[in-house]
Amino acid sequence: MTESAKQKASEAARAAQEKASETARVAREKASQATEATKGVGQSATEKASQATQTTKEKAQQGKEGTGSILQQAGEKVKGATQSTMEALKHPLGGGNEGDDQNK
């Protein structure tokens, strides 16, 4: 091979190596960008899941409080009905305390 051909081959090899290095650099940059974008999506998904969990907890607490209120009201109604029944049993003819005075 002539000196000129060797020089051209060397230049072509150097150009090919530079092109390969540049291509590798661009590929690394794009991979890094893709990794960062993926991290952002993952973080966003994590935040949304956390918000959904918090909302669910709040709704469960509200439901628990509502159920407690309903049960308390029902208990008060039963208590009132029981007291009325007890009074009715004490005074079967609606006479009040009159019968108690006569027995004394």
N, C-alpha and C. Protein backbone atom coordinates (compact mmCIF):
# COMPACT_ATOMS: atom_id res chain seq x y z
N MET A 1 0.84 -1.16 0.00
CA MET A 1 0.00 0.00 0.00
C MET A 1 0.89 1.23 0.00
N THR A 2 0.42 2.21 -0.70
CA THR A 2 1.22 3.43 -0.80
C THR A 2 1.01 4.28 0.44
N GLU A 3 1.92 5.23 0.59
CA GLU A 3 1.85 6.12 1.75
C GLU A 3 0.56 6.90 1.74
N SER A 4 0.11 7.36 0.62
CA SER A 4 -1.13 8.14 0.49
C SER A 4 -2.34 7.29 0.87
N ALA A 5 -2.35 6.03 0.46
CA ALA A 5 -3.45 5.13 0.77
C ALA A 5 -3.48 4.82 2.27
N LYS A 6 -2.29 4.65 2.87
CA LYS A 6 -2.21 4.41 4.30
C LYS A 6 -2.75 5.60 5.09
N GLN A 7 -2.38 6.80 4.60
CA GLN A 7 -2.84 8.01 5.28
C GLN A 7 -4.36 8.13 5.18
N LYS A 8 -4.93 7.85 4.01
CA LYS A 8 -6.37 7.92 3.82
C LYS A 8 -7.08 6.87 4.68
N ALA A 9 -6.50 5.70 4.76
CA ALA A 9 -7.09 4.63 5.57
C ALA A 9 -7.06 5.02 7.05
N SER A 10 -5.95 5.62 7.47
CA SER A 10 -5.82 6.06 8.85
C SER A 10 -6.83 7.16 9.17
N GLU A 11 -6.99 8.09 8.25
CA GLU A 11 -7.97 9.18 8.43
C GLU A 11 -9.39 8.62 8.47
N ALA A 12 -9.67 7.66 7.63
CA ALA A 12 -10.99 7.04 7.60
C ALA A 12 -11.25 6.30 8.91
N ALA A 13 -10.23 5.61 9.41
CA ALA A 13 -10.38 4.89 10.67
C ALA A 13 -10.60 5.87 11.82
N ARG A 14 -9.84 6.98 11.83
CA ARG A 14 -9.99 8.00 12.87
C ARG A 14 -11.38 8.62 12.78
N ALA A 15 -11.87 8.91 11.60
CA ALA A 15 -13.20 9.49 11.41
C ALA A 15 -14.28 8.52 11.89
N ALA A 16 -14.08 7.24 11.58
CA ALA A 16 -15.04 6.22 12.00
C ALA A 16 -15.05 6.11 13.53
N GLN A 17 -13.86 6.18 14.14
CA GLN A 17 -13.77 6.10 15.60
C GLN A 17 -14.43 7.33 16.23
N GLU A 18 -14.22 8.52 15.65
CA GLU A 18 -14.86 9.73 16.17
C GLU A 18 -16.38 9.64 16.05
N LYS A 19 -16.83 9.12 14.90
CA LYS A 19 -18.27 8.96 14.68
C LYS A 19 -18.84 7.97 15.69
N ALA A 20 -18.13 6.88 15.94
CA ALA A 20 -18.59 5.88 16.90
C ALA A 20 -18.63 6.48 18.31
N SER A 21 -17.61 7.27 18.65
CA SER A 21 -17.58 7.92 19.97
C SER A 21 -18.73 8.90 20.12
N GLU A 22 -18.99 9.67 19.08
CA GLU A 22 -20.10 10.64 19.11
C GLU A 22 -21.44 9.91 19.22
N THR A 23 -21.61 8.83 18.49
CA THR A 23 -22.84 8.05 18.55
C THR A 23 -23.03 7.47 19.95
N ALA A 24 -21.97 6.97 20.55
CA ALA A 24 -22.05 6.42 21.90
C ALA A 24 -22.41 7.52 22.91
N ARG A 25 -21.82 8.70 22.75
CA ARG A 25 -22.11 9.82 23.65
C ARG A 25 -23.58 10.20 23.55
N VAL A 26 -24.09 10.33 22.33
CA VAL A 26 -25.50 10.68 22.13
C VAL A 26 -26.40 9.59 22.73
N ALA A 27 -26.03 8.34 22.55
CA ALA A 27 -26.82 7.23 23.10
C ALA A 27 -26.85 7.30 24.62
N ARG A 28 -25.71 7.61 25.26
CA ARG A 28 -25.66 7.74 26.72
C ARG A 28 -26.55 8.90 27.18
N GLU A 29 -26.50 10.02 26.48
CA GLU A 29 -27.34 11.17 26.83
C GLU A 29 -28.82 10.82 26.75
N LYS A 30 -29.18 10.17 25.65
CA LYS A 30 -30.59 9.80 25.48
C LYS A 30 -31.02 8.78 26.54
N ALA A 31 -30.15 7.85 26.88
CA ALA A 31 -30.47 6.88 27.93
C ALA A 31 -30.64 7.58 29.26
N SER A 32 -29.79 8.55 29.53
CA SER A 32 -29.89 9.31 30.78
C SER A 32 -31.20 10.10 30.82
N GLN A 33 -31.56 10.70 29.71
CA GLN A 33 -32.82 11.45 29.64
C GLN A 33 -34.01 10.52 29.85
N ALA A 34 -33.95 9.36 29.23
CA ALA A 34 -35.04 8.40 29.38
C ALA A 34 -35.15 7.93 30.83
N THR A 35 -33.99 7.72 31.47
CA THR A 35 -33.99 7.32 32.88
C THR A 35 -34.62 8.39 33.74
N GLU A 36 -34.26 9.64 33.53
CA GLU A 36 -34.82 10.75 34.30
C GLU A 36 -36.32 10.87 34.07
N ALA A 37 -36.75 10.71 32.81
CA ALA A 37 -38.18 10.79 32.50
C ALA A 37 -38.93 9.66 33.21
N THR A 38 -38.35 8.48 33.23
CA THR A 38 -38.97 7.34 33.89
C THR A 38 -39.07 7.59 35.40
N LYS A 39 -38.02 8.17 35.98
CA LYS A 39 -38.05 8.49 37.40
C LYS A 39 -39.18 9.48 37.69
N GLY A 40 -39.34 10.47 36.80
CA GLY A 40 -40.41 11.45 36.99
C GLY A 40 -41.78 10.81 36.94
N VAL A 41 -41.97 9.90 36.01
CA VAL A 41 -43.26 9.20 35.90
C VAL A 41 -43.49 8.33 37.13
N GLY A 42 -42.45 7.65 37.57
CA GLY A 42 -42.57 6.81 38.76
C GLY A 42 -42.90 7.63 39.99
N GLN A 43 -42.24 8.78 40.12
CA GLN A 43 -42.50 9.64 41.27
C GLN A 43 -43.93 10.18 41.21
N SER A 44 -44.37 10.56 40.02
CA SER A 44 -45.73 11.06 39.86
C SER A 44 -46.75 9.98 40.23
N ALA A 45 -46.50 8.77 39.79
CA ALA A 45 -47.40 7.67 40.12
C ALA A 45 -47.42 7.41 41.62
N THR A 46 -46.26 7.49 42.25
CA THR A 46 -46.18 7.31 43.70
C THR A 46 -46.97 8.38 44.42
N GLU A 47 -46.84 9.62 43.98
CA GLU A 47 -47.58 10.72 44.61
C GLU A 47 -49.08 10.54 44.45
N LYS A 48 -49.51 10.14 43.26
CA LYS A 48 -50.94 9.93 43.03
C LYS A 48 -51.47 8.78 43.89
N ALA A 49 -50.70 7.72 44.02
CA ALA A 49 -51.12 6.60 44.85
C ALA A 49 -51.22 7.03 46.31
N SER A 50 -50.27 7.85 46.74
CA SER A 50 -50.29 8.35 48.11
C SER A 50 -51.52 9.22 48.36
N GLN A 51 -51.83 10.08 47.39
CA GLN A 51 -53.02 10.93 47.52
C GLN A 51 -54.29 10.08 47.56
N ALA A 52 -54.36 9.07 46.72
CA ALA A 52 -55.53 8.19 46.69
C ALA A 52 -55.68 7.46 48.02
N THR A 53 -54.57 7.02 48.58
CA THR A 53 -54.60 6.35 49.88
C THR A 53 -55.11 7.28 50.96
N GLN A 54 -54.62 8.53 50.95
CA GLN A 54 -55.05 9.50 51.95
C GLN A 54 -56.54 9.78 51.82
N THR A 55 -57.02 9.94 50.59
CA THR A 55 -58.45 10.19 50.36
C THR A 55 -59.29 9.03 50.87
N THR A 56 -58.82 7.82 50.60
CA THR A 56 -59.54 6.62 51.05
C THR A 56 -59.59 6.58 52.57
N LYS A 57 -58.48 6.90 53.23
CA LYS A 57 -58.46 6.92 54.70
C LYS A 57 -59.44 7.95 55.24
N GLU A 58 -59.47 9.12 54.62
CA GLU A 58 -60.38 10.18 55.08
C GLU A 58 -61.83 9.76 54.92
N LYS A 59 -62.15 9.15 53.79
CA LYS A 59 -63.53 8.71 53.56
C LYS A 59 -63.91 7.59 54.53
N ALA A 60 -62.97 6.70 54.82
CA ALA A 60 -63.24 5.64 55.78
C ALA A 60 -63.51 6.22 57.16
N GLN A 61 -62.73 7.23 57.54
CA GLN A 61 -62.93 7.88 58.84
C GLN A 61 -64.30 8.55 58.90
N GLN A 62 -64.67 9.23 57.81
CA GLN A 62 -65.99 9.88 57.76
C GLN A 62 -67.09 8.83 57.89
N GLY A 63 -66.94 7.72 57.20
CA GLY A 63 -67.94 6.65 57.28
C GLY A 63 -68.02 6.08 58.68
N LYS A 64 -66.87 5.92 59.31
CA LYS A 64 -66.83 5.40 60.68
C LYS A 64 -67.54 6.36 61.62
N GLU A 65 -67.28 7.65 61.45
CA GLU A 65 -67.92 8.65 62.31
C GLU A 65 -69.43 8.67 62.07
N GLY A 66 -69.84 8.57 60.80
CA GLY A 66 -71.27 8.55 60.48
C GLY A 66 -71.96 7.34 61.05
N THR A 67 -71.30 6.19 60.97
CA THR A 67 -71.86 4.97 61.52
C THR A 67 -72.00 5.08 63.03
N GLY A 68 -71.00 5.65 63.68
CA GLY A 68 -71.06 5.84 65.13
C GLY A 68 -72.22 6.71 65.52
N SER A 69 -72.45 7.76 64.75
CA SER A 69 -73.56 8.68 65.03
C SER A 69 -74.90 7.96 64.88
N ILE A 70 -75.02 7.18 63.84
CA ILE A 70 -76.27 6.44 63.60
C ILE A 70 -76.51 5.44 64.72
N LEU A 71 -75.46 4.74 65.12
CA LEU A 71 -75.61 3.76 66.20
C LEU A 71 -75.96 4.45 67.52
N GLN A 72 -75.37 5.60 67.77
CA GLN A 72 -75.69 6.34 68.99
C GLN A 72 -77.16 6.76 68.99
N GLN A 73 -77.63 7.26 67.85
CA GLN A 73 -79.03 7.66 67.75
C GLN A 73 -79.96 6.47 67.97
N ALA A 74 -79.61 5.35 67.35
CA ALA A 74 -80.43 4.15 67.51
C ALA A 74 -80.45 3.71 68.98
N GLY A 75 -79.28 3.78 69.63
CA GLY A 75 -79.20 3.42 71.04
C GLY A 75 -80.08 4.32 71.89
N GLU A 76 -80.08 5.61 71.59
CA GLU A 76 -80.90 6.55 72.35
C GLU A 76 -82.39 6.25 72.14
N LYS A 77 -82.78 5.88 70.93
CA LYS A 77 -84.17 5.55 70.66
C LYS A 77 -84.58 4.30 71.43
N VAL A 78 -83.70 3.30 71.43
CA VAL A 78 -84.00 2.07 72.17
C VAL A 78 -84.11 2.38 73.66
N LYS A 79 -83.20 3.20 74.16
CA LYS A 79 -83.24 3.58 75.57
C LYS A 79 -84.55 4.29 75.90
N GLY A 80 -84.95 5.22 75.03
CA GLY A 80 -86.22 5.94 75.24
C GLY A 80 -87.40 5.00 75.22
N ALA A 81 -87.40 4.06 74.27
CA ALA A 81 -88.51 3.11 74.18
C ALA A 81 -88.53 2.21 75.41
N THR A 82 -87.37 1.81 75.88
CA THR A 82 -87.30 0.97 77.07
C THR A 82 -87.83 1.71 78.28
N GLN A 83 -87.44 2.97 78.43
CA GLN A 83 -87.93 3.76 79.56
C GLN A 83 -89.45 3.92 79.49
N SER A 84 -89.97 4.15 78.30
CA SER A 84 -91.42 4.27 78.15
C SER A 84 -92.12 2.97 78.52
N THR A 85 -91.54 1.86 78.08
CA THR A 85 -92.12 0.56 78.40
C THR A 85 -92.08 0.31 79.91
N MET A 86 -91.00 0.66 80.54
CA MET A 86 -90.89 0.49 81.99
C MET A 86 -91.92 1.34 82.72
N GLU A 87 -92.12 2.55 82.27
CA GLU A 87 -93.12 3.43 82.88
C GLU A 87 -94.52 2.84 82.69
N ALA A 88 -94.77 2.30 81.48
CA ALA A 88 -96.08 1.71 81.20
C ALA A 88 -96.33 0.50 82.09
N LEU A 89 -95.28 -0.27 82.35
CA LEU A 89 -95.43 -1.44 83.21
C LEU A 89 -95.66 -1.03 84.67
N LYS A 90 -95.05 0.06 85.09
CA LYS A 90 -95.24 0.55 86.46
C LYS A 90 -96.65 1.08 86.66
N HIS A 91 -97.19 1.67 85.63
CA HIS A 91 -98.51 2.30 85.72
C HIS A 91 -99.38 1.76 84.58
N PRO A 92 -99.89 0.56 84.72
CA PRO A 92 -100.58 -0.11 83.62
C PRO A 92 -101.85 0.60 83.15
N LEU A 93 -102.54 1.29 84.00
CA LEU A 93 -103.77 1.94 83.56
C LEU A 93 -103.61 3.45 83.43
N GLY A 94 -102.38 3.88 83.39
CA GLY A 94 -102.13 5.31 83.22
C GLY A 94 -102.53 6.11 84.44
N GLY A 95 -102.61 5.46 85.58
CA GLY A 95 -103.05 6.14 86.80
C GLY A 95 -101.97 6.93 87.49
N GLY A 96 -100.77 6.83 87.03
CA GLY A 96 -99.70 7.57 87.66
C GLY A 96 -99.35 7.00 89.03
N ASN A 97 -99.14 7.83 90.01
CA ASN A 97 -98.74 7.41 91.34
C ASN A 97 -99.90 7.28 92.31
N GLU A 98 -101.12 7.41 91.87
CA GLU A 98 -102.29 7.36 92.74
C GLU A 98 -102.39 6.04 93.46
N GLY A 99 -102.14 4.95 92.78
CA GLY A 99 -102.22 3.63 93.39
C GLY A 99 -101.17 3.46 94.46
N ASP A 100 -100.06 4.10 94.32
CA ASP A 100 -99.00 4.01 95.32
C ASP A 100 -99.44 4.67 96.61
N ASP A 101 -100.18 5.80 96.51
CA ASP A 101 -100.63 6.51 97.71
C ASP A 101 -101.64 5.68 98.48
N GLN A 102 -102.52 4.96 97.80
CA GLN A 102 -103.55 4.18 98.47
C GLN A 102 -102.99 2.98 99.19
N ASN A 103 -101.91 2.43 98.67
CA ASN A 103 -101.31 1.25 99.27
C ASN A 103 -100.49 1.59 100.51
N LYS A 104 -100.23 2.82 100.75
CA LYS A 104 -99.37 3.21 101.88
C LYS A 104 -100.13 3.41 103.13
